[in-house]
C-alpha atoms as a PDB file:
ATOM      1  CA  UNK A   1     262.029 -75.190  36.788  1.00  0.00           C
ATOM      2  CA  UNK A   2     259.506 -76.940  34.040  1.00  0.00           C
ATOM      3  CA  UNK A   3     259.723 -79.805  33.886  1.00  0.00           C
ATOM      4  CA  UNK A   4     259.939 -81.623  30.731  1.00  0.00           C
ATOM      5  CA  UNK A   5     256.608 -82.659  30.216  1.00  0.00           C
ATOM      6  CA  UNK A   6     254.966 -79.497  30.344  1.00  0.00           C
ATOM      7  CA  UNK A   7     257.961 -77.664  28.230  1.00  0.00           C
ATOM      8  CA  UNK A   8     256.777 -80.545  25.456  1.00  0.00           C
ATOM      9  CA  UNK A   9     253.244 -79.390  25.755  1.00  0.00           C
ATOM     10  CA  UNK A  10     254.082 -74.977  25.582  1.00  0.00           C
ATOM     11  CA  UNK A  11     256.483 -76.027  22.420  1.00  0.00           C
ATOM     12  CA  UNK A  12     253.322 -77.835  20.713  1.00  0.00           C
ATOM     13  CA  UNK A  13     251.016 -75.093  21.571  1.00  0.00           C
ATOM     14  CA  UNK A  14     253.493 -72.242  20.276  1.00  0.00           C
ATOM     15  CA  UNK A  15     254.189 -74.344  17.347  1.00  0.00           C
ATOM     16  CA  UNK A  16     250.063 -74.503  16.588  1.00  0.00           C
ATOM     17  CA  UNK A  17     249.598 -70.710  17.308  1.00  0.00           C
ATOM     18  CA  UNK A  18     252.493 -69.927  14.798  1.00  0.00           C
ATOM     19  CA  UNK A  19     250.670 -72.421  12.346  1.00  0.00           C
ATOM     20  CA  UNK A  20     247.815 -71.087  12.542  1.00  0.00           C
ATOM     21  CA  UNK A  21     248.913 -66.982  12.495  1.00  0.00           C
ATOM     22  CA  UNK A  22     250.668 -68.056   9.434  1.00  0.00           C
ATOM     23  CA  UNK A  23     247.418 -69.727   7.657  1.00  0.00           C
ATOM     24  CA  UNK A  24     245.753 -65.939   8.784  1.00  0.00           C
ATOM     25  CA  UNK A  25     247.908 -64.104   7.374  1.00  0.00           C
ATOM     26  CA  UNK A  26     248.407 -65.586   3.995  1.00  0.00           C
ATOM     27  CA  UNK A  27     245.035 -65.298   3.807  1.00  0.00           C
ATOM     28  CA  UNK A  28     244.998 -61.557   5.303  1.00  0.00           C
ATOM     29  CA  UNK A  29     247.640 -60.685   2.378  1.00  0.00           C
ATOM     30  CA  UNK A  30     246.188 -62.872  -0.429  1.00  0.00           C
ATOM     31  CA  UNK A  31     249.358 -64.870  -0.361  1.00  0.00           C
ATOM     32  CA  UNK A  32     249.223 -68.618  -2.517  1.00  0.00           C
ATOM     33  CA  UNK A  33     250.066 -71.245   0.616  1.00  0.00           C
ATOM     34  CA  UNK A  34     250.359 -75.046   0.471  1.00  0.00           C
ATOM     35  CA  UNK A  35     247.127 -75.350   2.248  1.00  0.00           C
ATOM     36  CA  UNK A  36     247.073 -78.493   2.380  1.00  0.00           C
ATOM     37  CA  UNK A  37     250.219 -79.105   4.039  1.00  0.00           C
ATOM     38  CA  UNK A  38     249.506 -76.633   6.686  1.00  0.00           C
ATOM     39  CA  UNK A  39     246.237 -78.662   7.865  1.00  0.00           C
ATOM     40  CA  UNK A  40     248.430 -81.756   8.277  1.00  0.00           C
ATOM     41  CA  UNK A  41     251.013 -79.897  10.239  1.00  0.00           C
ATOM     42  CA  UNK A  42     248.233 -78.329  12.364  1.00  0.00           C
ATOM     43  CA  UNK A  43     246.804 -81.491  13.309  1.00  0.00           C
ATOM     44  CA  UNK A  44     250.099 -82.818  13.888  1.00  0.00           C
ATOM     45  CA  UNK A  45     250.377 -79.986  16.634  1.00  0.00           C
ATOM     46  CA  UNK A  46     247.341 -80.009  17.977  1.00  0.00           C
ATOM     47  CA  UNK A  47     247.591 -83.833  18.718  1.00  0.00           C
ATOM     48  CA  UNK A  48     250.752 -83.110  20.309  1.00  0.00           C
ATOM     49  CA  UNK A  49     249.459 -80.564  22.392  1.00  0.00           C
ATOM     50  CA  UNK A  50     246.479 -82.588  23.509  1.00  0.00           C
ATOM     51  CA  UNK A  51     248.454 -85.451  24.679  1.00  0.00           C
ATOM     52  CA  UNK A  52     251.020 -83.502  26.555  1.00  0.00           C
ATOM     53  CA  UNK A  53     248.589 -80.925  28.201  1.00  0.00           C
ATOM     54  CA  UNK A  54     245.491 -83.223  28.865  1.00  0.00           C
ATOM     55  CA  UNK A  55     243.763 -80.828  27.496  1.00  0.00           C
ATOM     56  CA  UNK A  56     240.556 -81.601  25.075  1.00  0.00           C
ATOM     57  CA  UNK A  57     241.182 -80.207  21.755  1.00  0.00           C
ATOM     58  CA  UNK A  58     238.495 -77.669  21.478  1.00  0.00           C
ATOM     59  CA  UNK A  59     239.915 -75.858  23.869  1.00  0.00           C
ATOM     60  CA  UNK A  60     243.516 -76.295  22.812  1.00  0.00           C
ATOM     61  CA  UNK A  61     242.825 -75.526  19.477  1.00  0.00           C
ATOM     62  CA  UNK A  62     240.157 -72.056  20.158  1.00  0.00           C
ATOM     63  CA  UNK A  63     243.007 -70.987  22.540  1.00  0.00           C
ATOM     64  CA  UNK A  64     245.537 -71.072  20.129  1.00  0.00           C
ATOM     65  CA  UNK A  65     243.159 -69.789  17.450  1.00  0.00           C
ATOM     66  CA  UNK A  66     242.501 -66.718  19.886  1.00  0.00           C
ATOM     67  CA  UNK A  67     246.727 -65.889  20.015  1.00  0.00           C
ATOM     68  CA  UNK A  68     247.359 -66.313  16.584  1.00  0.00           C
ATOM     69  CA  UNK A  69     244.617 -63.697  16.036  1.00  0.00           C
ATOM     70  CA  UNK A  70     246.282 -61.776  18.316  1.00  0.00           C
ATOM     71  CA  UNK A  71     249.377 -61.689  16.918  1.00  0.00           C
ATOM     72  CA  UNK A  72     248.098 -61.348  13.115  1.00  0.00           C
ATOM     73  CA  UNK A  73     246.767 -58.161  14.281  1.00  0.00           C
ATOM     74  CA  UNK A  74     249.499 -55.912  16.280  1.00  0.00           C
ATOM     75  CA  UNK A  75     251.734 -57.729  13.267  1.00  0.00           C
ATOM     76  CA  UNK A  76     249.531 -56.206  10.134  1.00  0.00           C
ATOM     77  CA  UNK A  77     248.624 -52.950  11.995  1.00  0.00           C
ATOM     78  CA  UNK A  78     251.584 -50.875  10.719  1.00  0.00           C
ATOM     79  CA  UNK A  79     252.059 -52.981   7.517  1.00  0.00           C
ATOM     80  CA  UNK A  80     251.982 -50.932   4.560  1.00  0.00           C
ATOM     81  CA  UNK A  81     250.687 -53.643   1.991  1.00  0.00           C
ATOM     82  CA  UNK A  82     251.468 -51.738  -1.077  1.00  0.00           C
ATOM     83  CA  UNK A  83     255.299 -51.784  -0.357  1.00  0.00           C
ATOM     84  CA  UNK A  84     256.170 -55.053   1.054  1.00  0.00           C
ATOM     85  CA  UNK A  85     253.762 -57.370  -1.603  1.00  0.00           C
ATOM     86  CA  UNK A  86     254.083 -57.676  -5.171  1.00  0.00           C
ATOM     87  CA  UNK A  87     251.883 -55.765  -8.043  1.00  0.00           C
ATOM     88  CA  UNK A  88     250.736 -58.900  -9.099  1.00  0.00           C
ATOM     89  CA  UNK A  89     249.515 -60.210  -5.694  1.00  0.00           C
ATOM     90  CA  UNK A  90     247.920 -56.897  -5.288  1.00  0.00           C
ATOM     91  CA  UNK A  91     245.811 -57.437  -8.200  1.00  0.00           C
ATOM     92  CA  UNK A  92     244.701 -60.761  -6.972  1.00  0.00           C
ATOM     93  CA  UNK A  93     243.497 -59.372  -3.573  1.00  0.00           C
ATOM     94  CA  UNK A  94     241.844 -57.317  -5.528  1.00  0.00           C
ATOM     95  CA  UNK A  95     240.557 -59.519  -7.650  1.00  0.00           C
ATOM     96  CA  UNK A  96     239.032 -61.521  -4.607  1.00  0.00           C
ATOM     97  CA  UNK A  97     237.525 -58.447  -3.272  1.00  0.00           C
ATOM     98  CA  UNK A  98     234.974 -57.696  -6.391  1.00  0.00           C
ATOM     99  CA  UNK A  99     231.623 -59.132  -6.661  1.00  0.00           C
ATOM    100  CA  UNK A 100     230.857 -62.268  -7.099  1.00  0.00           C
ATOM    101  CA  UNK A 101     229.117 -61.684 -10.441  1.00  0.00           C
ATOM    102  CA  UNK A 102     232.215 -59.511 -11.752  1.00  0.00           C
ATOM    103  CA  UNK A 103     234.406 -62.433 -10.834  1.00  0.00           C
ATOM    104  CA  UNK A 104     233.063 -65.046 -12.566  1.00  0.00           C
ATOM    105  CA  UNK A 105     232.549 -62.976 -15.345  1.00  0.00           C
ATOM    106  CA  UNK A 106     236.672 -62.350 -15.815  1.00  0.00           C
ATOM    107  CA  UNK A 107     236.908 -65.889 -14.503  1.00  0.00           C
ATOM    108  CA  UNK A 108     235.134 -67.560 -16.804  1.00  0.00           C
ATOM    109  CA  UNK A 109     237.451 -70.211 -18.589  1.00  0.00           C
ATOM    110  CA  UNK A 110     240.411 -69.939 -16.254  1.00  0.00           C
ATOM    111  CA  UNK A 111     241.502 -72.487 -13.705  1.00  0.00           C
ATOM    112  CA  UNK A 112     240.890 -71.392 -10.171  1.00  0.00           C
ATOM    113  CA  UNK A 113     242.718 -71.894  -7.284  1.00  0.00           C
ATOM    114  CA  UNK A 114     242.677 -75.481  -5.998  1.00  0.00           C
ATOM    115  CA  UNK A 115     239.845 -75.616  -3.435  1.00  0.00           C
ATOM    116  CA  UNK A 116     240.257 -78.322   0.107  1.00  0.00           C
ATOM    117  CA  UNK A 117     237.847 -81.515  -1.568  1.00  0.00           C
ATOM    118  CA  UNK A 118     235.863 -83.663   0.792  1.00  0.00           C
ATOM    119  CA  UNK A 119     238.673 -85.978   0.936  1.00  0.00           C
ATOM    120  CA  UNK A 120     241.416 -84.226   2.443  1.00  0.00           C
ATOM    121  CA  UNK A 121     243.010 -83.687   6.145  1.00  0.00           C
ATOM    122  CA  UNK A 122     240.469 -81.741   8.098  1.00  0.00           C
ATOM    123  CA  UNK A 123     240.640 -79.915  11.681  1.00  0.00           C
ATOM    124  CA  UNK A 124     237.795 -81.000  12.155  1.00  0.00           C
ATOM    125  CA  UNK A 125     236.862 -84.320  10.741  1.00  0.00           C
ATOM    126  CA  UNK A 126     233.628 -85.737   8.853  1.00  0.00           C
ATOM    127  CA  UNK A 127     231.487 -82.988   7.037  1.00  0.00           C
ATOM    128  CA  UNK A 128     233.955 -80.047   6.374  1.00  0.00           C
ATOM    129  CA  UNK A 129     234.772 -79.244   3.280  1.00  0.00           C
ATOM    130  CA  UNK A 130     236.979 -76.546   3.908  1.00  0.00           C
ATOM    131  CA  UNK A 131     238.840 -75.673   6.570  1.00  0.00           C
ATOM    132  CA  UNK A 132     236.828 -73.974   9.367  1.00  0.00           C
ATOM    133  CA  UNK A 133     239.530 -71.945  10.166  1.00  0.00           C
ATOM    134  CA  UNK A 134     239.400 -70.194   6.995  1.00  0.00           C
ATOM    135  CA  UNK A 135     235.737 -70.029   7.123  1.00  0.00           C
ATOM    136  CA  UNK A 136     235.653 -68.559  10.502  1.00  0.00           C
ATOM    137  CA  UNK A 137     238.249 -65.729   9.477  1.00  0.00           C
ATOM    138  CA  UNK A 138     235.997 -64.627   6.200  1.00  0.00           C
ATOM    139  CA  UNK A 139     233.231 -64.947   8.850  1.00  0.00           C
ATOM    140  CA  UNK A 140     235.006 -61.805  10.570  1.00  0.00           C
ATOM    141  CA  UNK A 141     235.797 -60.059   7.893  1.00  0.00           C
ATOM    142  CA  UNK A 142     232.721 -59.795   6.625  1.00  0.00           C
ATOM    143  CA  UNK A 143     230.774 -59.053  10.124  1.00  0.00           C
ATOM    144  CA  UNK A 144     233.610 -56.150  10.517  1.00  0.00           C
ATOM    145  CA  UNK A 145     232.191 -55.069   7.302  1.00  0.00           C
ATOM    146  CA  UNK A 146     228.636 -55.132   8.144  1.00  0.00           C
ATOM    147  CA  UNK A 147     229.177 -53.458  11.047  1.00  0.00           C
ATOM    148  CA  UNK A 148     230.577 -50.382   9.247  1.00  0.00           C
ATOM    149  CA  UNK A 149     227.407 -50.568   6.683  1.00  0.00           C
ATOM    150  CA  UNK A 150     230.274 -51.821   3.593  1.00  0.00           C
ATOM    151  CA  UNK A 151     228.160 -55.231   2.995  1.00  0.00           C
ATOM    152  CA  UNK A 152     225.183 -55.680   0.852  1.00  0.00           C
ATOM    153  CA  UNK A 153     221.956 -56.236   2.898  1.00  0.00           C
ATOM    154  CA  UNK A 154     221.149 -59.037   1.016  1.00  0.00           C
ATOM    155  CA  UNK A 155     224.528 -60.682   1.838  1.00  0.00           C
ATOM    156  CA  UNK A 156     224.751 -65.005   2.904  1.00  0.00           C
ATOM    157  CA  UNK A 157     227.246 -65.830   5.218  1.00  0.00           C
ATOM    158  CA  UNK A 158     228.676 -69.392   4.835  1.00  0.00           C
ATOM    159  CA  UNK A 159     229.671 -71.059   8.191  1.00  0.00           C
ATOM    160  CA  UNK A 160     230.632 -74.129   6.867  1.00  0.00           C
ATOM    161  CA  UNK A 161     229.137 -77.759   6.951  1.00  0.00           C
ATOM    162  CA  UNK A 162     228.329 -79.171  10.551  1.00  0.00           C
ATOM    163  CA  UNK A 163     231.037 -81.183  12.177  1.00  0.00           C
ATOM    164  CA  UNK A 164     230.527 -84.263  14.742  1.00  0.00           C
ATOM    165  CA  UNK A 165     228.732 -82.632  17.288  1.00  0.00           C
ATOM    166  CA  UNK A 166     226.240 -81.056  15.867  1.00  0.00           C
ATOM    167  CA  UNK A 167     226.250 -84.610  13.356  1.00  0.00           C
ATOM    168  CA  UNK A 168     225.904 -86.274  16.293  1.00  0.00           C
ATOM    169  CA  UNK A 169     223.048 -84.886  17.385  1.00  0.00           C
ATOM    170  CA  UNK A 170     220.845 -85.019  14.260  1.00  0.00           C
ATOM    171  CA  UNK A 171     221.556 -81.845  12.488  1.00  0.00           C
ATOM    172  CA  UNK A 172     221.431 -82.497   8.660  1.00  0.00           C
ATOM    173  CA  UNK A 173     224.738 -82.738   7.089  1.00  0.00           C
ATOM    174  CA  UNK A 174     224.093 -79.564   4.771  1.00  0.00           C
ATOM    175  CA  UNK A 175     225.750 -75.913   4.685  1.00  0.00           C
ATOM    176  CA  UNK A 176     225.088 -73.894   7.381  1.00  0.00           C
ATOM    177  CA  UNK A 177     223.959 -70.128   6.242  1.00  0.00           C
ATOM    178  CA  UNK A 178     222.876 -67.173   7.655  1.00  0.00           C
ATOM    179  CA  UNK A 179     221.625 -63.737   5.517  1.00  0.00           C
ATOM    180  CA  UNK A 180     222.826 -60.200   6.676  1.00  0.00           C
ATOM    181  CA  UNK A 181     219.072 -58.700   6.483  1.00  0.00           C
ATOM    182  CA  UNK A 182     217.889 -61.612   9.099  1.00  0.00           C
ATOM    183  CA  UNK A 183     220.709 -61.009  11.247  1.00  0.00           C
ATOM    184  CA  UNK A 184     220.484 -56.913  11.134  1.00  0.00           C
ATOM    185  CA  UNK A 185     216.682 -57.567  12.147  1.00  0.00           C
ATOM    186  CA  UNK A 186     217.962 -59.700  14.681  1.00  0.00           C
ATOM    187  CA  UNK A 187     220.739 -57.650  16.665  1.00  0.00           C
ATOM    188  CA  UNK A 188     218.301 -54.548  16.215  1.00  0.00           C
ATOM    189  CA  UNK A 189     215.195 -56.363  18.453  1.00  0.00           C
ATOM    190  CA  UNK A 190     214.483 -54.335  21.288  1.00  0.00           C
ATOM    191  CA  UNK A 191     214.384 -57.006  23.836  1.00  0.00           C
ATOM    192  CA  UNK A 192     217.183 -58.903  22.260  1.00  0.00           C
ATOM    193  CA  UNK A 193     219.499 -56.320  21.198  1.00  0.00           C
ATOM    194  CA  UNK A 194     223.681 -56.735  20.507  1.00  0.00           C
ATOM    195  CA  UNK A 195     226.419 -55.674  19.041  1.00  0.00           C
ATOM    196  CA  UNK A 196     227.154 -57.279  15.072  1.00  0.00           C
ATOM    197  CA  UNK A 197     231.100 -57.485  16.306  1.00  0.00           C
ATOM    198  CA  UNK A 198     229.637 -59.658  19.574  1.00  0.00           C
ATOM    199  CA  UNK A 199     229.369 -62.383  16.854  1.00  0.00           C
ATOM    200  CA  UNK A 200     233.297 -62.993  15.997  1.00  0.00           C
ATOM    201  CA  UNK A 201     233.891 -66.358  15.594  1.00  0.00           C
ATOM    202  CA  UNK A 202     230.495 -67.593  15.180  1.00  0.00           C
ATOM    203  CA  UNK A 203     231.683 -70.536  13.006  1.00  0.00           C
ATOM    204  CA  UNK A 204     234.035 -72.233  15.740  1.00  0.00           C
ATOM    205  CA  UNK A 205     230.909 -71.568  18.419  1.00  0.00           C
ATOM    206  CA  UNK A 206     228.714 -73.088  16.665  1.00  0.00           C
ATOM    207  CA  UNK A 207     230.436 -75.933  16.025  1.00  0.00           C
ATOM    208  CA  UNK A 208     231.914 -76.371  19.469  1.00  0.00           C
ATOM    209  CA  UNK A 209     228.615 -75.562  21.397  1.00  0.00           C
ATOM    210  CA  UNK A 210     227.189 -76.396  24.705  1.00  0.00           C
ATOM    211  CA  UNK A 211     224.204 -77.776  23.935  1.00  0.00           C
ATOM    212  CA  UNK A 212     221.988 -78.742  21.019  1.00  0.00           C
ATOM    213  CA  UNK A 213     218.373 -78.838  21.512  1.00  0.00           C
ATOM    214  CA  UNK A 214     215.629 -80.090  19.752  1.00  0.00           C
ATOM    215  CA  UNK A 215     213.034 -76.885  19.187  1.00  0.00           C
ATOM    216  CA  UNK A 216     209.516 -76.540  20.938  1.00  0.00           C
ATOM    217  CA  UNK A 217     208.138 -74.343  18.293  1.00  0.00           C
ATOM    218  CA  UNK A 218     209.301 -75.754  15.401  1.00  0.00           C
ATOM    219  CA  UNK A 219     209.243 -79.329  13.900  1.00  0.00           C
ATOM    220  CA  UNK A 220     212.379 -80.724  12.533  1.00  0.00           C
ATOM    221  CA  UNK A 221     214.587 -76.979  13.866  1.00  0.00           C
ATOM    222  CA  UNK A 222     217.223 -76.879  16.390  1.00  0.00           C
ATOM    223  CA  UNK A 223     218.602 -74.738  19.004  1.00  0.00           C
ATOM    224  CA  UNK A 224     222.213 -74.295  19.410  1.00  0.00           C
ATOM    225  CA  UNK A 225     223.483 -72.834  22.711  1.00  0.00           C
ATOM    226  CA  UNK A 226     226.697 -71.074  22.390  1.00  0.00           C
ATOM    227  CA  UNK A 227     229.645 -70.082  24.804  1.00  0.00           C
ATOM    228  CA  UNK A 228     228.849 -66.210  24.454  1.00  0.00           C
ATOM    229  CA  UNK A 229     227.121 -64.651  26.566  1.00  0.00           C
ATOM    230  CA  UNK A 230     225.525 -60.887  26.776  1.00  0.00           C
ATOM    231  CA  UNK A 231     224.584 -59.891  30.179  1.00  0.00           C
ATOM    232  CA  UNK A 232     225.009 -63.258  31.506  1.00  0.00           C
ATOM    233  CA  UNK A 233     222.222 -64.499  28.795  1.00  0.00           C
ATOM    234  CA  UNK A 234     224.158 -67.010  26.256  1.00  0.00           C
ATOM    235  CA  UNK A 235     223.357 -66.827  22.756  1.00  0.00           C
ATOM    236  CA  UNK A 236     221.326 -69.326  21.056  1.00  0.00           C
ATOM    237  CA  UNK A 237     221.191 -70.240  17.566  1.00  0.00           C
ATOM    238  CA  UNK A 238     218.026 -71.659  15.946  1.00  0.00           C
ATOM    239  CA  UNK A 239     218.860 -73.721  12.623  1.00  0.00           C
ATOM    240  CA  UNK A 240     216.068 -74.793   9.866  1.00  0.00           C
ATOM    241  CA  UNK A 241     216.162 -76.846   6.875  1.00  0.00           C
ATOM    242  CA  UNK A 242     216.082 -74.143   4.281  1.00  0.00           C
ATOM    243  CA  UNK A 243     214.925 -75.306   0.342  1.00  0.00           C
ATOM    244  CA  UNK A 244     215.901 -74.123  -2.666  1.00  0.00           C
ATOM    245  CA  UNK A 245     214.630 -76.395  -5.540  1.00  0.00           C
ATOM    246  CA  UNK A 246     216.697 -79.251  -5.127  1.00  0.00           C
ATOM    247  CA  UNK A 247     219.193 -77.596  -2.753  1.00  0.00           C
ATOM    248  CA  UNK A 248     218.812 -77.729   1.098  1.00  0.00           C
ATOM    249  CA  UNK A 249     221.020 -75.891   3.547  1.00  0.00           C
ATOM    250  CA  UNK A 250     220.663 -75.264   7.551  1.00  0.00           C
ATOM    251  CA  UNK A 251     219.219 -71.674   7.711  1.00  0.00           C
ATOM    252  CA  UNK A 252     219.843 -69.623  11.008  1.00  0.00           C
ATOM    253  CA  UNK A 253     216.191 -68.145  11.794  1.00  0.00           C
ATOM    254  CA  UNK A 254     217.361 -66.041  14.849  1.00  0.00           C
ATOM    255  CA  UNK A 255     220.415 -65.848  16.625  1.00  0.00           C
ATOM    256  CA  UNK A 256     220.072 -64.099  20.108  1.00  0.00           C
ATOM    257  CA  UNK A 257     220.684 -64.253  24.147  1.00  0.00           C
ATOM    258  CA  UNK A 258     218.257 -66.388  26.539  1.00  0.00           C
ATOM    259  CA  UNK A 259     217.536 -66.108  30.049  1.00  0.00           C
ATOM    260  CA  UNK A 260     219.032 -69.569  31.986  1.00  0.00           C
ATOM    261  CA  UNK A 261     215.538 -70.163  32.775  1.00  0.00           C
ATOM    262  CA  UNK A 262     214.567 -70.887  29.384  1.00  0.00           C
ATOM    263  CA  UNK A 263     218.072 -73.095  28.532  1.00  0.00           C
ATOM    264  CA  UNK A 264     216.957 -75.081  32.009  1.00  0.00           C
ATOM    265  CA  UNK A 265     213.395 -75.784  31.390  1.00  0.00           C
ATOM    266  CA  UNK A 266     214.359 -76.894  27.839  1.00  0.00           C
ATOM    267  CA  UNK A 267     216.302 -79.489  29.648  1.00  0.00           C
ATOM    268  CA  UNK A 268     213.473 -80.400  32.164  1.00  0.00           C
ATOM    269  CA  UNK A 269     211.596 -80.863  28.589  1.00  0.00           C
ATOM    270  CA  UNK A 270     213.590 -83.524  27.779  1.00  0.00           C
ATOM    271  CA  UNK A 271     213.976 -81.389  24.391  1.00  0.00           C
ATOM    272  CA  UNK A 272     217.955 -82.105  24.711  1.00  0.00           C
ATOM    273  CA  UNK A 273     219.892 -84.017  22.058  1.00  0.00           C
ATOM    274  CA  UNK A 274     223.801 -83.205  22.759  1.00  0.00           C
ATOM    275  CA  UNK A 275     225.578 -81.569  25.584  1.00  0.00           C
ATOM    276  CA  UNK A 276     229.425 -81.083  26.136  1.00  0.00           C
ATOM    277  CA  UNK A 277     228.913 -82.011  30.080  1.00  0.00           C
ATOM    278  CA  UNK A 278     231.985 -80.062  30.900  1.00  0.00           C
ATOM    279  CA  UNK A 279     230.595 -76.816  29.594  1.00  0.00           C
ATOM    280  CA  UNK A 280     226.723 -77.438  30.657  1.00  0.00           C
ATOM    281  CA  UNK A 281     227.705 -78.259  34.327  1.00  0.00           C
ATOM    282  CA  UNK A 282     230.315 -75.249  34.629  1.00  0.00           C
ATOM    283  CA  UNK A 283     227.476 -73.133  32.948  1.00  0.00           C
ATOM    284  CA  UNK A 284     225.095 -74.487  35.622  1.00  0.00           C
ATOM    285  CA  UNK A 285     227.308 -73.657  38.123  1.00  0.00           C
ATOM    286  CA  UNK A 286     227.512 -70.066  37.880  1.00  0.00           C
ATOM    287  CA  UNK A 287     223.628 -70.185  37.667  1.00  0.00           C
ATOM    288  CA  UNK A 288     223.190 -71.163  41.175  1.00  0.00           C
ATOM    289  CA  UNK A 289     224.102 -67.548  42.670  1.00  0.00           C
ATOM    290  CA  UNK A 290     220.808 -65.891  40.376  1.00  0.00           C
ATOM    291  CA  UNK A 291     218.280 -68.148  42.578  1.00  0.00           C
ATOM    292  CA  UNK A 292     215.461 -65.586  41.246  1.00  0.00           C
ATOM    293  CA  UNK A 293     215.894 -67.023  37.683  1.00  0.00           C
ATOM    294  CA  UNK A 294     216.984 -70.246  38.020  1.00  0.00           C
ATOM    295  CA  UNK A 295     215.335 -71.668  41.814  1.00  0.00           C
ATOM    296  CA  UNK A 296     215.424 -75.020  42.978  1.00  0.00           C
ATOM    297  CA  UNK A 297     215.768 -76.756  39.665  1.00  0.00           C
ATOM    298  CA  UNK A 298     219.458 -76.537  39.424  1.00  0.00           C
ATOM    299  CA  UNK A 299     220.684 -79.923  41.143  1.00  0.00           C
ATOM    300  CA  UNK A 300     217.769 -82.156  39.512  1.00  0.00           C
ATOM    301  CA  UNK A 301     219.001 -80.346  35.818  1.00  0.00           C
ATOM    302  CA  UNK A 302     222.177 -81.191  37.031  1.00  0.00           C
ATOM    303  CA  UNK A 303     221.940 -84.683  37.386  1.00  0.00           C
ATOM    304  CA  UNK A 304     219.776 -84.850  33.879  1.00  0.00           C
ATOM    305  CA  UNK A 305     223.505 -83.080  32.269  1.00  0.00           C
ATOM    306  CA  UNK A 306     225.510 -86.159  34.044  1.00  0.00           C
ATOM    307  CA  UNK A 307     223.454 -89.021  33.154  1.00  0.00           C
ATOM    308  CA  UNK A 308     222.783 -87.771  29.647  1.00  0.00           C
ATOM    309  CA  UNK A 309     223.864 -89.899  27.212  1.00  0.00           C
ATOM    310  CA  UNK A 310     225.282 -88.327  23.550  1.00  0.00           C
ATOM    311  CA  UNK A 311     224.242 -89.887  20.641  1.00  0.00           C
ATOM    312  CA  UNK A 312     226.925 -91.791  18.451  1.00  0.00           C
ATOM    313  CA  UNK A 313     227.485 -90.024  14.888  1.00  0.00           C
ATOM    314  CA  UNK A 314     227.699 -93.661  12.907  1.00  0.00           C
ATOM    315  CA  UNK A 315     226.467 -91.853   9.525  1.00  0.00           C
ATOM    316  CA  UNK A 316     226.980 -88.624   8.151  1.00  0.00           C
ATOM    317  CA  UNK A 317     223.163 -87.531   7.990  1.00  0.00           C
ATOM    318  CA  UNK A 318     223.140 -86.770   4.320  1.00  0.00           C
ATOM    319  CA  UNK A 319     220.510 -89.557   4.128  1.00  0.00           C
ATOM    320  CA  UNK A 320     218.376 -91.974   6.672  1.00  0.00           C
ATOM    321  CA  UNK A 321     216.861 -90.349  10.269  1.00  0.00           C
ATOM    322  CA  UNK A 322     217.754 -87.530  12.543  1.00  0.00           C
ATOM    323  CA  UNK A 323     216.819 -87.640  16.189  1.00  0.00           C
ATOM    324  CA  UNK A 324     213.271 -86.240  15.549  1.00  0.00           C
ATOM    325  CA  UNK A 325     212.566 -89.284  13.225  1.00  0.00           C
ATOM    326  CA  UNK A 326     212.512 -86.907  10.199  1.00  0.00           C
ATOM    327  CA  UNK A 327     214.459 -88.405   6.857  1.00  0.00           C
ATOM    328  CA  UNK A 328     217.722 -86.110   5.944  1.00  0.00           C
ATOM    329  CA  UNK A 329     217.805 -84.986   2.820  1.00  0.00           C
END
């Protein structure tokens, strides 16, 4: 029989899954819901699940999100949307799916749906103006379209603003973007081929990396190590600061998977800026069995990670200098 403490932890986790699932369902069906209220509930159940289970926030949220996605896909697979939704909602869904220029022309002079402002509560703290779950849902929808050749090649994926972990590494507090054309090109490179759908949940994965490195080849650029792998090799994302007139963004210039020895060399070469020690040490422990790839350096690199002190994120990186000594715009 489960004790009361475990039961409360499971209950909190179930409520978290239910809240996330409801938000995803509303988004998928283009339903209007009290977004701010939902975020407050999510934050409350997340805090409760952390307190009762002893697990870290990221692990709980990622697990809950996965369960919620599975549940929504199951519930929607046989749904005849035309029969269950009012005509007004179907018309709104159709409008939401129009091209940006068509939509803006129709909406000119009309009130738009409220969006989250920077002062609103979010699940992930500073640096996010829109809930990462909504961003992740939209990205997954768009990556599926791109994989079916139903998305323009000039489309730009929006992956949200950096959260505390990325900001602590010195990444500027600017929106992260990725062009569809660049992603397509990277996915087809002979030495690093991958399926587009392998990058589902990329916004959440970037915001919760294993590690962040200073680029060894590009001044002022960053390399983010993700938890997903292909052929046993982890994916990495290269972020560069890009300017459009007076506007600046964090542009994803490359995404591919890397051999373990490359990442281990980056650690040895003191390029590490931020690390999730638990994730990194767990990843390293799996490399021990591939001596040809990593050699005798595992032990020394393990010690580097254990002794590494992550920088504190005391400002929002919108001004001042980042970890490279470069001015953040």
